[in-house]
Amino acid sequence: MKNNILILFATILTISISSCKKENPEEQGPVITLTTPTDEQDFAIGDTIFIEGDITDNEALHELMVMLSKEETGEVVMHWMPVVHEMPSFHIDTFYVPTDTSHIHFNLVIDAWDHDNNMTETNYTLHWAD
C-alpha cells in the first residue's frame, strides 16, 4: 500500500514538473525601448529624472527591475520591480528627484526577463551637475 502511494505521488510530481516546461523554449529576450532619459544625458541640479519607455516580449514578460544608483558610491537611490508577470508589454513611467547639490553620475539599469529566462539589460549613465 505504501509503495503504491509513493509510486502515485512520484508519477503526479513528474507529470506536474514536465507540464510546466516548454518543449521548444524560445531564445529571444524582451525588448527595452526607453524614450527618456538618453544615455549620457545631462541634468541640472534641481531637475527631475523622468524614466519612460516600453518593455515588450514576443510571448510574455516574467520580471522587470529598474534601478538607479550613484556611480561614485554605489548607493542605490531607486529600486522598482513592477508586477509584469504574463504581460506581453509594460509601459515604464516613473521618476526620481535627486537631492544632491554637487556633481554626480547616476547609473540607470533596466533588466527584463521572459518566461524562458531570457534576460535583456540596458545600462545608462546620467550626469547630474550645476
N, C-alpha and C. Protein backbone atom coordinates (compact mmCIF):
# COMPACT_ATOMS: atom_id res chain seq x y z
N MET A 1 0.83 -1.19 0.00
CA MET A 1 0.00 0.00 0.00
C MET A 1 0.87 1.25 0.00
N LYS A 2 1.92 1.28 0.87
CA LYS A 2 2.80 2.45 0.92
C LYS A 2 3.54 2.63 -0.39
N ASN A 3 3.95 1.51 -1.00
CA ASN A 3 4.66 1.60 -2.28
C ASN A 3 3.76 2.16 -3.37
N ASN A 4 2.48 1.78 -3.36
CA ASN A 4 1.54 2.30 -4.35
C ASN A 4 1.35 3.80 -4.19
N ILE A 5 1.28 4.26 -2.97
CA ILE A 5 1.11 5.70 -2.70
C ILE A 5 2.36 6.46 -3.14
N LEU A 6 3.54 5.91 -2.85
CA LEU A 6 4.78 6.56 -3.27
C LEU A 6 4.90 6.61 -4.79
N ILE A 7 4.52 5.53 -5.46
CA ILE A 7 4.57 5.50 -6.93
C ILE A 7 3.59 6.51 -7.51
N LEU A 8 2.41 6.57 -6.95
CA LEU A 8 1.40 7.53 -7.40
C LEU A 8 1.89 8.97 -7.19
N PHE A 9 2.44 9.24 -6.04
CA PHE A 9 2.98 10.58 -5.74
C PHE A 9 4.11 10.94 -6.70
N ALA A 10 5.03 10.03 -6.94
CA ALA A 10 6.15 10.28 -7.85
C ALA A 10 5.66 10.52 -9.27
N THR A 11 4.65 9.78 -9.69
CA THR A 11 4.08 9.96 -11.04
C THR A 11 3.43 11.33 -11.18
N ILE A 12 2.64 11.72 -10.20
CA ILE A 12 1.98 13.03 -10.23
C ILE A 12 3.01 14.15 -10.22
N LEU A 13 4.04 14.03 -9.40
CA LEU A 13 5.10 15.04 -9.33
C LEU A 13 5.82 15.16 -10.66
N THR A 14 6.15 14.04 -11.28
CA THR A 14 6.84 14.05 -12.57
C THR A 14 5.98 14.70 -13.65
N ILE A 15 4.72 14.39 -13.69
CA ILE A 15 3.81 14.98 -14.68
C ILE A 15 3.68 16.48 -14.46
N SER A 16 3.53 16.91 -13.22
CA SER A 16 3.36 18.35 -12.96
C SER A 16 4.61 19.14 -13.29
N ILE A 17 5.77 18.59 -13.05
CA ILE A 17 7.02 19.29 -13.37
C ILE A 17 7.22 19.36 -14.88
N SER A 18 6.99 18.25 -15.56
CA SER A 18 7.22 18.23 -17.01
C SER A 18 6.19 19.06 -17.76
N SER A 19 4.99 19.24 -17.22
CA SER A 19 3.98 20.03 -17.91
C SER A 19 4.27 21.52 -17.85
N CYS A 20 5.12 21.99 -16.94
CA CYS A 20 5.48 23.40 -16.84
C CYS A 20 6.57 23.78 -17.83
N LYS A 21 7.28 22.80 -18.38
CA LYS A 21 8.38 23.08 -19.29
C LYS A 21 7.89 23.07 -20.72
N LYS A 22 8.40 24.02 -21.51
CA LYS A 22 8.10 24.04 -22.92
C LYS A 22 9.00 23.03 -23.63
N GLU A 23 8.46 22.47 -24.71
CA GLU A 23 9.27 21.54 -25.49
C GLU A 23 10.36 22.30 -26.24
N ASN A 24 10.04 23.48 -26.76
CA ASN A 24 10.98 24.28 -27.53
C ASN A 24 11.01 25.71 -26.97
N PRO A 25 11.79 25.95 -25.94
CA PRO A 25 11.83 27.31 -25.39
C PRO A 25 12.39 28.29 -26.41
N GLU A 26 11.81 29.47 -26.46
CA GLU A 26 12.31 30.48 -27.38
C GLU A 26 13.54 31.16 -26.79
N GLU A 27 14.35 31.75 -27.63
CA GLU A 27 15.62 32.30 -27.17
C GLU A 27 15.70 33.82 -27.31
N GLN A 28 14.62 34.45 -27.69
CA GLN A 28 14.61 35.89 -27.87
C GLN A 28 14.22 36.57 -26.56
N GLY A 29 15.06 37.48 -26.08
CA GLY A 29 14.77 38.20 -24.84
C GLY A 29 13.82 39.36 -25.06
N PRO A 30 13.33 39.93 -23.98
CA PRO A 30 12.46 41.10 -24.07
C PRO A 30 13.18 42.27 -24.75
N VAL A 31 12.40 43.18 -25.29
CA VAL A 31 12.94 44.38 -25.94
C VAL A 31 12.67 45.57 -25.03
N ILE A 32 13.73 46.33 -24.72
CA ILE A 32 13.63 47.52 -23.87
C ILE A 32 13.81 48.74 -24.77
N THR A 33 12.81 49.62 -24.80
CA THR A 33 12.87 50.84 -25.60
C THR A 33 12.59 52.03 -24.68
N LEU A 34 13.64 52.77 -24.35
CA LEU A 34 13.45 53.96 -23.50
C LEU A 34 13.28 55.20 -24.36
N THR A 35 12.30 56.04 -24.00
CA THR A 35 12.13 57.32 -24.67
C THR A 35 12.85 58.42 -23.89
N THR A 36 12.95 58.26 -22.60
CA THR A 36 13.71 59.19 -21.77
C THR A 36 14.14 58.49 -20.49
N PRO A 37 15.32 58.69 -19.99
CA PRO A 37 16.37 59.58 -20.48
C PRO A 37 17.15 58.89 -21.60
N THR A 38 18.14 59.63 -22.14
CA THR A 38 19.06 59.05 -23.10
C THR A 38 20.38 58.78 -22.39
N ASP A 39 21.16 57.87 -22.93
CA ASP A 39 22.45 57.56 -22.34
C ASP A 39 23.34 58.80 -22.38
N GLU A 40 24.05 59.05 -21.28
CA GLU A 40 24.96 60.20 -21.12
C GLU A 40 24.22 61.54 -21.05
N GLN A 41 22.92 61.50 -20.75
CA GLN A 41 22.15 62.74 -20.66
C GLN A 41 22.60 63.57 -19.48
N ASP A 42 22.64 64.90 -19.67
CA ASP A 42 22.99 65.85 -18.61
C ASP A 42 21.73 66.38 -17.95
N PHE A 43 21.80 66.46 -16.62
CA PHE A 43 20.71 67.05 -15.83
C PHE A 43 21.30 68.15 -14.98
N ALA A 44 20.54 69.22 -14.80
CA ALA A 44 20.97 70.30 -13.92
C ALA A 44 20.46 70.02 -12.52
N ILE A 45 21.18 70.52 -11.54
CA ILE A 45 20.74 70.36 -10.15
C ILE A 45 19.34 70.98 -10.03
N GLY A 46 18.44 70.22 -9.46
CA GLY A 46 17.05 70.65 -9.34
C GLY A 46 16.13 69.98 -10.35
N ASP A 47 16.70 69.36 -11.39
CA ASP A 47 15.89 68.65 -12.40
C ASP A 47 15.34 67.35 -11.82
N THR A 48 14.24 66.92 -12.40
CA THR A 48 13.67 65.61 -12.11
C THR A 48 14.12 64.65 -13.22
N ILE A 49 14.52 63.46 -12.85
CA ILE A 49 14.90 62.44 -13.82
C ILE A 49 13.66 61.61 -14.12
N PHE A 50 13.11 61.80 -15.31
CA PHE A 50 11.95 61.02 -15.74
C PHE A 50 12.44 59.79 -16.47
N ILE A 51 11.84 58.64 -16.17
CA ILE A 51 12.20 57.37 -16.81
C ILE A 51 10.94 56.85 -17.48
N GLU A 52 10.96 56.83 -18.82
CA GLU A 52 9.79 56.39 -19.58
C GLU A 52 10.23 55.50 -20.73
N GLY A 53 9.41 54.51 -21.03
CA GLY A 53 9.69 53.62 -22.15
C GLY A 53 8.79 52.40 -22.11
N ASP A 54 9.08 51.50 -23.00
CA ASP A 54 8.27 50.28 -23.12
C ASP A 54 9.14 49.04 -23.10
N ILE A 55 8.62 48.01 -22.45
CA ILE A 55 9.25 46.69 -22.41
C ILE A 55 8.27 45.74 -23.09
N THR A 56 8.74 45.00 -24.09
CA THR A 56 7.86 44.07 -24.79
C THR A 56 8.56 42.71 -24.92
N ASP A 57 7.75 41.68 -25.09
CA ASP A 57 8.28 40.34 -25.33
C ASP A 57 7.38 39.66 -26.35
N ASN A 58 7.96 38.79 -27.15
CA ASN A 58 7.19 38.10 -28.18
C ASN A 58 6.23 37.06 -27.58
N GLU A 59 6.40 36.73 -26.31
CA GLU A 59 5.46 35.82 -25.65
C GLU A 59 4.87 36.50 -24.41
N ALA A 60 5.62 36.53 -23.30
CA ALA A 60 5.13 37.18 -22.08
C ALA A 60 6.31 37.53 -21.19
N LEU A 61 6.20 38.66 -20.52
CA LEU A 61 7.22 39.08 -19.56
C LEU A 61 7.09 38.26 -18.29
N HIS A 62 8.20 38.17 -17.57
CA HIS A 62 8.20 37.46 -16.30
C HIS A 62 8.57 38.40 -15.15
N GLU A 63 9.67 39.14 -15.31
CA GLU A 63 10.12 40.07 -14.28
C GLU A 63 10.72 41.31 -14.92
N LEU A 64 10.68 42.42 -14.16
CA LEU A 64 11.26 43.68 -14.60
C LEU A 64 11.86 44.37 -13.40
N MET A 65 13.07 44.93 -13.57
CA MET A 65 13.71 45.68 -12.49
C MET A 65 14.26 46.97 -13.06
N VAL A 66 13.96 48.08 -12.38
CA VAL A 66 14.51 49.39 -12.72
C VAL A 66 15.29 49.85 -11.50
N MET A 67 16.59 50.15 -11.70
CA MET A 67 17.43 50.55 -10.57
C MET A 67 18.27 51.76 -10.97
N LEU A 68 18.32 52.73 -10.07
CA LEU A 68 19.14 53.92 -10.25
C LEU A 68 20.09 53.99 -9.07
N SER A 69 21.40 54.10 -9.36
CA SER A 69 22.39 54.14 -8.28
C SER A 69 23.42 55.23 -8.57
N LYS A 70 24.08 55.67 -7.51
CA LYS A 70 25.15 56.66 -7.64
C LYS A 70 26.43 55.94 -8.06
N GLU A 71 27.02 56.38 -9.14
CA GLU A 71 28.22 55.72 -9.65
C GLU A 71 29.39 55.81 -8.67
N GLU A 72 29.54 56.95 -8.03
CA GLU A 72 30.68 57.17 -7.15
C GLU A 72 30.66 56.31 -5.89
N THR A 73 29.47 56.07 -5.36
CA THR A 73 29.37 55.33 -4.09
C THR A 73 28.69 53.97 -4.22
N GLY A 74 27.97 53.75 -5.31
CA GLY A 74 27.22 52.51 -5.47
C GLY A 74 25.89 52.52 -4.74
N GLU A 75 25.57 53.60 -4.05
CA GLU A 75 24.32 53.69 -3.29
C GLU A 75 23.12 53.61 -4.24
N VAL A 76 22.22 52.69 -3.95
CA VAL A 76 21.00 52.55 -4.73
C VAL A 76 19.99 53.57 -4.22
N VAL A 77 19.57 54.46 -5.12
CA VAL A 77 18.64 55.51 -4.72
C VAL A 77 17.21 55.23 -5.17
N MET A 78 17.06 54.29 -6.12
CA MET A 78 15.73 53.90 -6.57
C MET A 78 15.79 52.45 -7.04
N HIS A 79 14.87 51.64 -6.54
CA HIS A 79 14.78 50.23 -6.95
C HIS A 79 13.30 49.91 -7.09
N TRP A 80 12.89 49.55 -8.30
CA TRP A 80 11.48 49.34 -8.59
C TRP A 80 11.32 48.04 -9.36
N MET A 81 10.43 47.18 -8.88
CA MET A 81 10.14 45.92 -9.56
C MET A 81 8.62 45.80 -9.73
N PRO A 82 8.09 46.45 -10.79
CA PRO A 82 6.64 46.38 -11.00
C PRO A 82 6.22 44.97 -11.38
N VAL A 83 4.98 44.65 -11.12
CA VAL A 83 4.43 43.33 -11.47
C VAL A 83 4.15 43.32 -12.97
N VAL A 84 4.86 42.46 -13.71
CA VAL A 84 4.70 42.36 -15.16
C VAL A 84 4.40 40.92 -15.59
N HIS A 85 4.25 40.03 -14.64
CA HIS A 85 4.08 38.60 -14.91
C HIS A 85 2.94 38.36 -15.90
N GLU A 86 3.26 37.62 -16.98
CA GLU A 86 2.32 37.22 -18.03
C GLU A 86 1.87 38.36 -18.94
N MET A 87 2.39 39.58 -18.76
CA MET A 87 2.04 40.69 -19.64
C MET A 87 2.89 40.62 -20.91
N PRO A 88 2.30 40.90 -22.08
CA PRO A 88 3.10 40.94 -23.30
C PRO A 88 3.95 42.21 -23.39
N SER A 89 3.52 43.26 -22.68
CA SER A 89 4.28 44.51 -22.68
C SER A 89 3.98 45.29 -21.40
N PHE A 90 4.86 46.26 -21.12
CA PHE A 90 4.69 47.09 -19.93
C PHE A 90 5.25 48.47 -20.25
N HIS A 91 4.53 49.52 -19.85
CA HIS A 91 4.99 50.89 -20.05
C HIS A 91 5.61 51.41 -18.75
N ILE A 92 6.87 51.79 -18.81
CA ILE A 92 7.56 52.39 -17.66
C ILE A 92 7.25 53.89 -17.66
N ASP A 93 6.81 54.39 -16.53
CA ASP A 93 6.54 55.82 -16.38
C ASP A 93 6.76 56.16 -14.91
N THR A 94 8.00 56.49 -14.59
CA THR A 94 8.35 56.81 -13.21
C THR A 94 9.36 57.95 -13.21
N PHE A 95 9.76 58.38 -12.03
CA PHE A 95 10.72 59.48 -11.94
C PHE A 95 11.50 59.40 -10.64
N TYR A 96 12.58 60.18 -10.60
CA TYR A 96 13.39 60.30 -9.38
C TYR A 96 13.81 61.76 -9.25
N VAL A 97 13.72 62.30 -8.04
CA VAL A 97 14.13 63.67 -7.77
C VAL A 97 15.38 63.62 -6.90
N PRO A 98 16.57 63.83 -7.50
CA PRO A 98 17.80 63.81 -6.70
C PRO A 98 17.84 64.99 -5.74
N THR A 99 18.46 64.77 -4.61
CA THR A 99 18.62 65.85 -3.62
C THR A 99 20.07 66.30 -3.51
N ASP A 100 20.93 65.73 -4.35
CA ASP A 100 22.35 66.08 -4.31
C ASP A 100 22.54 67.52 -4.80
N THR A 101 23.51 68.20 -4.23
CA THR A 101 23.80 69.58 -4.60
C THR A 101 25.17 69.72 -5.26
N SER A 102 25.78 68.61 -5.61
CA SER A 102 27.08 68.64 -6.28
C SER A 102 27.07 67.68 -7.46
N HIS A 103 28.11 67.77 -8.28
CA HIS A 103 28.24 66.94 -9.48
C HIS A 103 28.28 65.46 -9.08
N ILE A 104 27.48 64.65 -9.78
CA ILE A 104 27.45 63.21 -9.51
C ILE A 104 27.00 62.49 -10.78
N HIS A 105 27.36 61.24 -10.90
CA HIS A 105 26.91 60.40 -12.01
C HIS A 105 25.96 59.34 -11.46
N PHE A 106 24.91 59.08 -12.21
CA PHE A 106 23.96 58.03 -11.86
C PHE A 106 24.05 56.92 -12.89
N ASN A 107 23.88 55.68 -12.45
CA ASN A 107 23.76 54.52 -13.34
C ASN A 107 22.31 54.06 -13.32
N LEU A 108 21.72 54.02 -14.49
CA LEU A 108 20.36 53.51 -14.64
C LEU A 108 20.45 52.13 -15.27
N VAL A 109 19.92 51.13 -14.59
CA VAL A 109 19.94 49.75 -15.09
C VAL A 109 18.50 49.26 -15.17
N ILE A 110 18.15 48.73 -16.33
CA ILE A 110 16.83 48.12 -16.51
C ILE A 110 17.05 46.69 -16.99
N ASP A 111 16.54 45.73 -16.22
CA ASP A 111 16.63 44.31 -16.55
C ASP A 111 15.22 43.78 -16.77
N ALA A 112 15.04 43.00 -17.84
CA ALA A 112 13.74 42.38 -18.13
C ALA A 112 13.96 40.92 -18.47
N TRP A 113 13.11 40.05 -17.91
CA TRP A 113 13.17 38.60 -18.14
C TRP A 113 11.85 38.13 -18.73
N ASP A 114 11.94 37.09 -19.56
CA ASP A 114 10.72 36.42 -20.00
C ASP A 114 10.63 35.06 -19.33
N HIS A 115 9.61 34.28 -19.68
CA HIS A 115 9.39 33.01 -19.01
C HIS A 115 10.38 31.91 -19.39
N ASP A 116 11.14 32.13 -20.45
CA ASP A 116 12.17 31.16 -20.81
C ASP A 116 13.52 31.57 -20.23
N ASN A 117 13.48 32.53 -19.29
CA ASN A 117 14.66 33.03 -18.59
C ASN A 117 15.64 33.77 -19.50
N ASN A 118 15.12 34.30 -20.62
CA ASN A 118 15.94 35.18 -21.46
C ASN A 118 15.93 36.55 -20.80
N MET A 119 17.10 37.15 -20.67
CA MET A 119 17.21 38.44 -19.99
C MET A 119 17.83 39.47 -20.91
N THR A 120 17.26 40.67 -20.87
CA THR A 120 17.81 41.82 -21.59
C THR A 120 18.13 42.88 -20.55
N GLU A 121 19.30 43.52 -20.71
CA GLU A 121 19.70 44.56 -19.76
C GLU A 121 20.08 45.83 -20.53
N THR A 122 19.67 46.96 -20.01
CA THR A 122 20.03 48.26 -20.56
C THR A 122 20.72 49.05 -19.46
N ASN A 123 21.87 49.64 -19.77
CA ASN A 123 22.63 50.44 -18.81
C ASN A 123 22.83 51.84 -19.38
N TYR A 124 22.47 52.86 -18.61
CA TYR A 124 22.68 54.25 -18.99
C TYR A 124 23.46 54.95 -17.90
N THR A 125 24.28 55.91 -18.30
CA THR A 125 24.95 56.78 -17.35
C THR A 125 24.34 58.17 -17.50
N LEU A 126 23.98 58.77 -16.38
CA LEU A 126 23.36 60.09 -16.36
C LEU A 126 24.25 61.04 -15.57
N HIS A 127 24.35 62.28 -16.03
CA HIS A 127 25.21 63.28 -15.39
C HIS A 127 24.36 64.30 -14.65
N TRP A 128 24.69 64.54 -13.42
CA TRP A 128 23.98 65.47 -12.54
C TRP A 128 24.98 66.56 -12.15
N ALA A 129 24.79 67.75 -12.66
CA ALA A 129 25.76 68.82 -12.40
C ALA A 129 25.08 70.18 -12.41
N ASP A 130 25.81 71.19 -11.90
CA ASP A 130 25.26 72.55 -11.89
C ASP A 130 25.68 73.31 -13.13
